């Protein structure tokens, strides 16, 4: 772990209340709706004022915030509740405060209440640090912008909880990550009567639903399998650290593959022909190659009819990895669940012929001038479908 990551985890563990969210273009002033300071959603009002404020009044509170365990700011928590406004913000960071700049868009902001008027805050910049933080607290990119539940209580409805409990009862080890994803899909689809046609027409929303269920299923199984271990004292620190690291690594492995597995089901439901981890040049293996490696290595097959898609839950650093994964394909697509990326990085992606694919609900978090160029999942499927209808004579639809 990096020092900042380790400090942020410890701060959350000792805090009265904790919160995290991705820094957005609105914070950095890169959108047309810029307001001063970090926006805090109403569901996290407890972090600022201990409770939700009443409409019709403005309210403020001055606090000390220690950033990166390095420097402090005298900052203001403010609630705007008069007239049409109903929002919370953190403002007043002083001169030369660096974390409200475009280059930090897409970084993870963590704010922890240590005492009534004293807070610690951290900004995680790298994908590795962000994903390790998520794994430690059972979070995901789409489950930010809210208080961190350090007790890890899974809020599931009765039918879903009963279905998960029934499945977990018969499991005595962790299934493979792909099997775990399929189990989650089957649970959600069964409870909600989800048909293949629904998956075809609602890929952007079903992806989040499946991932929610998969997280609940995974943590319920984790609790069952590990309860007898962590309920007893460890004989030494090495034994404790080994156990903790095995849990963290399993969480990261599952989270890292989850997006790929659910996208695969969505693509299959939409009758797309694709191959996962197909080998291209120099033993490179893009996450998804449409239609398949046979067509890719057949130079009679037009490169224009090939499509490459990477899948990375966060991509602040890792988006560059996909550029060299398939030399025949000029434009690369990258599916991510990260709700904000800096304007500078978006320009660099565009210059590198990388097109983002994100669920529809996240597109509005990107700078407005880039939104039209970003594909939602439905648009990506339509594009690949059109290509495959033109070139289907070159391969057999399976």
Protein backbone atom coordinates (compact mmCIF):
# COMPACT_ATOMS: atom_id res chain seq x y z
CA UNK A 1 0.00 0.00 0.00
CA UNK A 2 1.11 3.58 -0.57
CA UNK A 3 1.50 5.74 2.52
CA UNK A 4 -1.49 7.94 1.61
CA UNK A 5 -3.68 4.90 0.98
CA UNK A 6 -2.73 3.37 4.31
CA UNK A 7 -3.36 6.65 6.14
CA UNK A 8 -6.76 7.08 4.46
CA UNK A 9 -7.83 3.56 5.49
CA UNK A 10 -6.77 4.17 9.08
CA UNK A 11 -8.61 7.51 9.11
CA UNK A 12 -11.84 5.87 7.98
CA UNK A 13 -11.48 3.11 10.57
CA UNK A 14 -11.12 5.61 13.43
CA UNK A 15 -13.64 8.18 12.18
CA UNK A 16 -17.08 8.98 13.58
CA UNK A 17 -18.36 9.39 10.01
CA UNK A 18 -16.67 8.92 6.63
CA UNK A 19 -17.51 9.79 3.05
CA UNK A 20 -15.94 9.31 -0.39
CA UNK A 21 -16.63 10.43 -3.93
CA UNK A 22 -14.80 11.06 -7.16
CA UNK A 23 -13.70 14.63 -7.75
CA UNK A 24 -15.69 15.94 -10.70
CA UNK A 25 -15.30 18.60 -13.32
CA UNK A 26 -17.79 20.74 -11.42
CA UNK A 27 -15.38 20.84 -8.47
CA UNK A 28 -12.53 21.83 -10.76
CA UNK A 29 -14.54 24.42 -12.66
CA UNK A 30 -14.50 22.51 -15.96
CA UNK A 31 -18.29 22.43 -16.37
CA UNK A 32 -20.70 25.24 -17.00
CA UNK A 33 -22.45 24.69 -13.64
CA UNK A 34 -19.45 25.34 -11.40
CA UNK A 35 -20.15 26.29 -7.79
CA UNK A 36 -17.42 26.90 -5.25
CA UNK A 37 -16.23 23.88 -3.28
CA UNK A 38 -16.98 20.19 -3.07
CA UNK A 39 -20.60 19.19 -3.43
CA UNK A 40 -21.88 16.79 -0.75
CA UNK A 41 -25.14 14.89 -1.41
CA UNK A 42 -28.07 15.08 1.01
CA UNK A 43 -27.57 11.43 1.99
CA UNK A 44 -24.24 12.46 3.55
CA UNK A 45 -25.50 15.51 5.48
CA UNK A 46 -24.58 13.71 8.70
CA UNK A 47 -20.91 14.14 7.80
CA UNK A 48 -21.24 17.93 7.91
CA UNK A 49 -23.98 18.78 10.39
CA UNK A 50 -24.87 15.53 12.11
CA UNK A 51 -28.31 15.54 10.50
CA UNK A 52 -30.14 16.74 7.42
CA UNK A 53 -30.80 20.49 7.48
CA UNK A 54 -34.23 22.10 7.12
CA UNK A 55 -35.37 23.76 3.94
CA UNK A 56 -35.83 27.52 4.12
CA UNK A 57 -32.58 28.28 5.93
CA UNK A 58 -28.88 28.56 5.26
CA UNK A 59 -26.53 26.98 7.77
CA UNK A 60 -22.76 26.99 8.14
CA UNK A 61 -20.06 25.44 10.29
CA UNK A 62 -16.33 26.16 10.40
CA UNK A 63 -13.92 23.25 10.84
CA UNK A 64 -10.28 22.28 10.57
CA UNK A 65 -9.45 19.77 7.81
CA UNK A 66 -6.06 18.08 7.68
CA UNK A 67 -5.21 17.06 4.10
CA UNK A 68 -2.94 14.12 3.21
CA UNK A 69 -1.69 14.15 6.82
CA UNK A 70 0.30 17.20 5.74
CA UNK A 71 -1.43 20.60 5.92
CA UNK A 72 -4.62 22.05 7.39
CA UNK A 73 -7.31 24.33 6.05
CA UNK A 74 -9.92 26.32 7.94
CA UNK A 75 -12.91 25.37 5.83
CA UNK A 76 -16.63 26.02 5.84
CA UNK A 77 -19.44 23.52 5.67
CA UNK A 78 -22.48 25.24 4.26
CA UNK A 79 -26.07 24.29 3.55
CA UNK A 80 -28.01 26.37 1.04
CA UNK A 81 -31.70 25.85 1.78
CA UNK A 82 -33.38 29.10 0.80
CA UNK A 83 -35.63 29.63 -2.22
CA UNK A 84 -35.00 26.88 -4.80
CA UNK A 85 -31.65 25.69 -3.44
CA UNK A 86 -31.18 22.53 -1.40
CA UNK A 87 -27.52 21.56 -1.36
CA UNK A 88 -24.49 21.03 0.83
CA UNK A 89 -20.95 22.10 0.05
CA UNK A 90 -17.49 22.31 1.57
CA UNK A 91 -15.79 25.61 0.75
CA UNK A 92 -12.93 27.90 1.79
CA UNK A 93 -9.69 26.00 1.28
CA UNK A 94 -7.35 28.99 1.17
CA UNK A 95 -4.93 30.12 -1.49
CA UNK A 96 -3.00 27.60 -3.59
CA UNK A 97 -5.20 24.67 -2.59
CA UNK A 98 -4.23 22.08 -5.19
CA UNK A 99 -7.02 19.52 -5.06
CA UNK A 100 -9.56 21.66 -6.90
CA UNK A 101 -7.82 21.52 -10.26
CA UNK A 102 -8.65 19.70 -13.47
CA UNK A 103 -5.76 17.27 -13.05
CA UNK A 104 -7.42 15.84 -9.95
CA UNK A 105 -10.74 15.13 -11.68
CA UNK A 106 -11.28 11.39 -11.36
CA UNK A 107 -9.27 11.15 -8.14
CA UNK A 108 -11.02 9.80 -5.07
CA UNK A 109 -11.81 12.29 -2.30
CA UNK A 110 -12.14 10.81 1.20
CA UNK A 111 -13.38 12.95 4.10
CA UNK A 112 -13.46 11.64 7.68
CA UNK A 113 -14.93 13.21 10.81
CA UNK A 114 -12.49 12.58 13.65
CA UNK A 115 -13.97 15.07 16.14
CA UNK A 116 -16.87 17.55 15.98
CA UNK A 117 -14.80 20.31 14.38
CA UNK A 118 -11.78 18.34 13.19
CA UNK A 119 -11.62 16.31 9.97
CA UNK A 120 -9.01 14.41 8.00
CA UNK A 121 -9.19 14.26 4.21
CA UNK A 122 -7.25 12.35 1.59
CA UNK A 123 -7.11 12.34 -2.20
CA UNK A 124 -6.17 9.06 -3.89
CA UNK A 125 -4.89 9.50 -7.44
CA UNK A 126 -3.85 6.09 -8.77
CA UNK A 127 -6.22 3.35 -9.94
CA UNK A 128 -4.35 0.85 -7.75
CA UNK A 129 -4.86 2.93 -4.59
CA UNK A 130 -8.51 3.64 -5.41
CA UNK A 131 -9.35 0.01 -6.12
CA UNK A 132 -7.52 -1.21 -3.01
CA UNK A 133 -9.47 1.31 -0.92
CA UNK A 134 -12.70 0.07 -2.48
CA UNK A 135 -11.81 -3.54 -1.78
CA UNK A 136 -10.93 -2.80 1.83
CA UNK A 137 -14.34 -1.29 2.56
CA UNK A 138 -16.45 -3.37 0.16
CA UNK A 139 -17.08 -0.40 -2.11
CA UNK A 140 -17.23 0.05 -5.89
CA UNK A 141 -16.99 2.97 -8.30
CA UNK A 142 -20.77 3.24 -8.59
CA UNK A 143 -21.22 3.12 -4.80
CA UNK A 144 -19.40 6.34 -4.00
CA UNK A 145 -20.86 9.79 -3.27
CA UNK A 146 -22.28 8.49 -0.02
CA UNK A 147 -21.26 7.72 3.55
CA UNK A 148 -18.93 4.76 3.99
CA UNK A 149 -20.55 1.92 5.90
CA UNK A 150 -17.62 0.62 7.93
CA UNK A 151 -19.89 -1.97 9.57
CA UNK A 152 -20.47 -3.34 6.06
CA UNK A 153 -24.19 -3.86 6.55
CA UNK A 154 -25.70 -5.13 3.33
CA UNK A 155 -29.00 -3.34 2.68
CA UNK A 156 -30.97 -5.84 0.62
CA UNK A 157 -34.69 -6.37 0.34
CA UNK A 158 -36.29 -9.43 1.90
CA UNK A 159 -36.68 -11.47 -1.29
CA UNK A 160 -33.12 -10.81 -2.37
CA UNK A 161 -31.72 -11.56 1.07
CA UNK A 162 -33.66 -14.83 1.24
CA UNK A 163 -32.38 -15.88 -2.19
CA UNK A 164 -28.78 -15.03 -1.28
CA UNK A 165 -29.01 -16.82 2.08
CA UNK A 166 -30.45 -19.91 0.40
CA UNK A 167 -27.61 -20.04 -2.13
CA UNK A 168 -24.86 -19.30 0.38
CA UNK A 169 -26.09 -22.08 2.66
CA UNK A 170 -25.09 -24.68 0.08
CA UNK A 171 -21.71 -23.15 -0.80
CA UNK A 172 -18.60 -24.33 1.01
CA UNK A 173 -15.96 -22.44 -0.96
CA UNK A 174 -15.69 -19.42 -3.23
CA UNK A 175 -16.78 -20.19 -6.79
CA UNK A 176 -14.78 -18.89 -9.73
CA UNK A 177 -15.36 -15.18 -10.41
CA UNK A 178 -17.35 -15.89 -13.58
CA UNK A 179 -19.58 -18.38 -11.77
CA UNK A 180 -20.13 -15.84 -8.99
CA UNK A 181 -21.28 -13.30 -11.56
CA UNK A 182 -23.68 -15.78 -13.15
CA UNK A 183 -25.13 -16.67 -9.74
CA UNK A 184 -25.81 -12.99 -9.07
CA UNK A 185 -27.45 -12.55 -12.47
CA UNK A 186 -29.67 -15.59 -11.94
CA UNK A 187 -30.78 -14.36 -8.51
CA UNK A 188 -31.66 -10.88 -9.74
CA UNK A 189 -33.27 -12.10 -12.96
CA UNK A 190 -35.40 -14.67 -11.15
CA UNK A 191 -36.69 -12.26 -8.49
CA UNK A 192 -37.47 -9.52 -11.01
CA UNK A 193 -38.62 -11.68 -13.94
CA UNK A 194 -35.88 -10.33 -16.19
CA UNK A 195 -36.07 -11.63 -19.74
CA UNK A 196 -33.44 -11.67 -22.45
CA UNK A 197 -35.32 -8.93 -24.28
CA UNK A 198 -35.12 -6.75 -21.16
CA UNK A 199 -31.34 -7.23 -21.04
CA UNK A 200 -31.16 -6.28 -24.72
CA UNK A 201 -33.05 -3.02 -24.21
CA UNK A 202 -31.69 -2.03 -20.78
CA UNK A 203 -27.98 -2.91 -20.75
CA UNK A 204 -26.92 0.33 -19.07
CA UNK A 205 -29.10 -0.17 -16.00
CA UNK A 206 -28.98 -3.97 -15.65
CA UNK A 207 -25.21 -3.85 -15.32
CA UNK A 208 -25.42 -1.95 -12.03
CA UNK A 209 -28.21 -4.19 -10.71
CA UNK A 210 -26.20 -7.35 -11.30
CA UNK A 211 -23.09 -5.86 -9.72
CA UNK A 212 -25.06 -4.85 -6.62
CA UNK A 213 -26.37 -8.39 -6.17
CA UNK A 214 -22.95 -9.88 -6.81
CA UNK A 215 -21.43 -7.71 -4.07
CA UNK A 216 -24.12 -8.74 -1.58
CA UNK A 217 -23.66 -12.40 -2.51
CA UNK A 218 -19.88 -12.24 -2.25
CA UNK A 219 -19.85 -10.58 1.16
CA UNK A 220 -22.50 -12.92 2.54
CA UNK A 221 -20.37 -15.88 1.45
CA UNK A 222 -17.23 -14.24 2.77
CA UNK A 223 -18.84 -13.81 6.17
CA UNK A 224 -19.95 -17.44 6.26
CA UNK A 225 -16.61 -18.91 5.24
CA UNK A 226 -14.40 -16.67 7.35
CA UNK A 227 -16.50 -16.15 10.48
CA UNK A 228 -14.97 -19.06 12.36
CA UNK A 229 -11.51 -17.79 11.52
CA UNK A 230 -11.77 -14.12 12.47
CA UNK A 231 -13.86 -14.84 15.59
CA UNK A 232 -10.80 -16.46 17.21
CA UNK A 233 -7.52 -14.80 18.23
CA UNK A 234 -4.58 -15.06 15.85
CA UNK A 235 -1.40 -16.56 17.27
CA UNK A 236 0.87 -13.85 15.85
CA UNK A 237 0.96 -10.77 13.61
CA UNK A 238 2.21 -12.66 10.56
CA UNK A 239 -0.78 -15.00 10.74
CA UNK A 240 -3.15 -12.04 11.06
CA UNK A 241 -1.53 -10.18 8.15
CA UNK A 242 -1.58 -13.26 5.96
CA UNK A 243 -5.29 -13.74 6.60
CA UNK A 244 -6.07 -10.05 5.99
CA UNK A 245 -4.07 -9.99 2.75
CA UNK A 246 -5.79 -13.12 1.44
CA UNK A 247 -9.18 -11.49 2.00
CA UNK A 248 -8.11 -8.23 0.34
CA UNK A 249 -6.60 -10.03 -2.67
CA UNK A 250 -9.73 -12.11 -3.18
CA UNK A 251 -11.90 -9.01 -3.01
CA UNK A 252 -9.72 -7.23 -5.57
CA UNK A 253 -9.70 -10.24 -7.89
CA UNK A 254 -13.46 -10.57 -7.82
CA UNK A 255 -14.05 -6.84 -8.31
CA UNK A 256 -11.54 -6.68 -11.15
CA UNK A 257 -13.27 -9.36 -13.22
CA UNK A 258 -16.88 -8.51 -12.35
CA UNK A 259 -17.34 -5.88 -15.05
CA UNK A 260 -16.02 -8.20 -17.76
CA UNK A 261 -18.29 -11.07 -16.77
CA UNK A 262 -21.46 -8.97 -16.74
CA UNK A 263 -20.60 -7.29 -20.04
CA UNK A 264 -20.09 -10.74 -21.55
CA UNK A 265 -23.64 -11.73 -20.58
CA UNK A 266 -25.02 -8.49 -22.01
CA UNK A 267 -23.17 -8.98 -25.31
CA UNK A 268 -24.37 -12.59 -25.53
CA UNK A 269 -27.98 -11.52 -24.95
CA UNK A 270 -27.60 -9.04 -27.79
CA UNK A 271 -26.38 -11.80 -30.16
CA UNK A 272 -22.95 -10.27 -30.65
CA UNK A 273 -20.07 -12.46 -31.77
CA UNK A 274 -17.02 -11.87 -29.60
CA UNK A 275 -14.04 -13.51 -27.99
CA UNK A 276 -12.65 -12.74 -24.56
CA UNK A 277 -8.90 -12.55 -24.00
CA UNK A 278 -8.20 -13.31 -27.65
CA UNK A 279 -4.49 -13.34 -28.51
CA UNK A 280 -3.32 -10.58 -30.86
CA UNK A 281 0.27 -9.42 -31.55
CA UNK A 282 3.01 -10.17 -29.05
CA UNK A 283 0.65 -12.31 -26.99
CA UNK A 284 -1.47 -9.26 -26.10
CA UNK A 285 -4.98 -10.10 -24.90
CA UNK A 286 -7.68 -7.43 -25.14
CA UNK A 287 -10.67 -8.01 -22.85
CA UNK A 288 -13.10 -8.25 -25.78
CA UNK A 289 -12.44 -8.70 -29.47
CA UNK A 290 -15.38 -8.53 -31.91
CA UNK A 291 -15.93 -10.82 -33.73
CA UNK A 292 -13.01 -13.15 -32.89
CA UNK A 293 -9.30 -13.92 -33.25
CA UNK A 294 -9.79 -15.90 -36.49
CA UNK A 295 -11.11 -12.79 -38.19
CA UNK A 296 -8.44 -10.65 -36.57
CA UNK A 297 -5.60 -12.77 -37.96
CA UNK A 298 -7.26 -13.12 -41.38
CA UNK A 299 -6.04 -10.09 -43.33
CA UNK A 300 -8.83 -10.58 -45.87
CA UNK A 301 -11.16 -9.48 -43.08
CA UNK A 302 -11.37 -5.70 -43.05
CA UNK A 303 -9.84 -4.01 -40.02
CA UNK A 304 -12.77 -1.58 -40.11
CA UNK A 305 -15.07 -4.44 -39.12
CA UNK A 306 -13.00 -5.35 -36.06
CA UNK A 307 -13.77 -3.85 -32.65
CA UNK A 308 -11.68 -3.95 -29.48
CA UNK A 309 -13.08 -3.15 -26.05
CA UNK A 310 -11.22 -2.92 -22.77
CA UNK A 311 -13.08 -3.15 -19.45
CA UNK A 312 -11.68 -1.37 -16.40
CA UNK A 313 -13.78 -0.26 -13.44
CA UNK A 314 -11.43 2.71 -12.97
CA UNK A 315 -9.19 4.01 -15.71
CA UNK A 316 -7.44 7.13 -14.49
CA UNK A 317 -4.05 5.49 -15.11
CA UNK A 318 -4.77 2.21 -16.84
CA UNK A 319 -6.55 3.42 -19.95
CA UNK A 320 -3.21 3.59 -21.79
CA UNK A 321 -2.82 -0.18 -21.47
CA UNK A 322 -5.39 -0.82 -24.21
CA UNK A 323 -3.64 1.27 -26.87
CA UNK A 324 -1.19 -1.47 -27.86
CA UNK A 325 -3.48 -4.48 -27.45
CA UNK A 326 -4.47 -4.84 -31.12
CA UNK A 327 -2.32 -3.23 -33.82
CA UNK A 328 -4.82 -3.81 -36.63
CA UNK A 329 -7.50 -1.73 -34.91
CA UNK A 330 -6.98 2.01 -34.91
CA UNK A 331 -9.83 3.04 -32.62
CA UNK A 332 -10.03 1.34 -29.21
CA UNK A 333 -13.08 1.37 -26.94
CA UNK A 334 -12.84 1.36 -23.17
CA UNK A 335 -15.72 0.56 -20.83
CA UNK A 336 -15.38 2.06 -17.35
CA UNK A 337 -17.54 2.76 -14.32
CA UNK A 338 -15.50 5.78 -13.24
CA UNK A 339 -17.86 8.75 -13.09
CA UNK A 340 -15.31 11.47 -13.81
CA UNK A 341 -12.04 11.90 -15.71
CA UNK A 342 -10.05 15.09 -16.14
CA UNK A 343 -10.39 17.18 -19.26
CA UNK A 344 -6.68 16.79 -19.95
CA UNK A 345 -6.94 13.00 -19.85
CA UNK A 346 -10.05 12.99 -22.02
CA UNK A 347 -8.15 15.01 -24.62
CA UNK A 348 -5.24 12.59 -24.40
CA UNK A 349 -7.63 9.68 -24.87
CA UNK A 350 -9.19 11.34 -27.91
CA UNK A 351 -5.75 12.04 -29.37
CA UNK A 352 -4.90 8.35 -28.84
CA UNK A 353 -8.13 7.22 -30.58
CA UNK A 354 -9.64 5.83 -27.39
CA UNK A 355 -13.43 6.14 -27.06
CA UNK A 356 -15.02 5.76 -23.64
CA UNK A 357 -18.04 3.53 -23.05
CA UNK A 358 -19.86 4.21 -19.78
CA UNK A 359 -23.36 3.49 -18.45
CA UNK A 360 -25.79 6.22 -19.47
CA UNK A 361 -26.26 7.55 -15.93
CA UNK A 362 -22.57 8.50 -15.68
CA UNK A 363 -22.20 10.47 -18.90
CA UNK A 364 -23.45 13.72 -17.34
CA UNK A 365 -20.51 13.67 -14.90
CA UNK A 366 -18.08 14.33 -17.79
CA UNK A 367 -17.30 17.77 -19.26
CA UNK A 368 -20.14 18.75 -21.56
CA UNK A 369 -17.94 19.18 -24.62
CA UNK A 370 -16.92 15.49 -24.42
CA UNK A 371 -20.31 13.96 -23.65
CA UNK A 372 -21.44 13.47 -27.26
CA UNK A 373 -18.28 11.50 -28.03
CA UNK A 374 -18.81 9.09 -25.12
CA UNK A 375 -20.78 5.94 -25.87
CA UNK A 376 -23.27 4.42 -23.51
CA UNK A 377 -23.47 0.63 -23.56
CA UNK A 378 -26.54 0.60 -25.80
CA UNK A 379 -24.82 2.80 -28.38
CA UNK A 380 -21.73 0.59 -28.33
CA UNK A 381 -23.85 -2.54 -28.90
CA UNK A 382 -25.67 -0.89 -31.80
CA UNK A 383 -22.37 0.09 -33.41
CA UNK A 384 -20.96 -3.45 -33.15
CA UNK A 385 -24.24 -4.97 -34.32
CA UNK A 386 -24.20 -2.84 -37.46
CA UNK A 387 -20.62 -3.88 -38.21
CA UNK A 388 -21.38 -7.55 -37.71
CA UNK A 389 -24.44 -7.49 -39.92
CA UNK A 390 -22.25 -6.15 -42.75
CA UNK A 391 -19.44 -8.65 -42.27
CA UNK A 392 -21.32 -11.77 -41.11
CA UNK A 393 -20.46 -13.70 -44.27
CA UNK A 394 -16.87 -14.01 -43.02
CA UNK A 395 -17.69 -16.02 -39.91
CA UNK A 396 -20.31 -18.32 -38.48
CA UNK A 397 -22.73 -16.88 -35.95
CA UNK A 398 -22.59 -19.14 -32.93
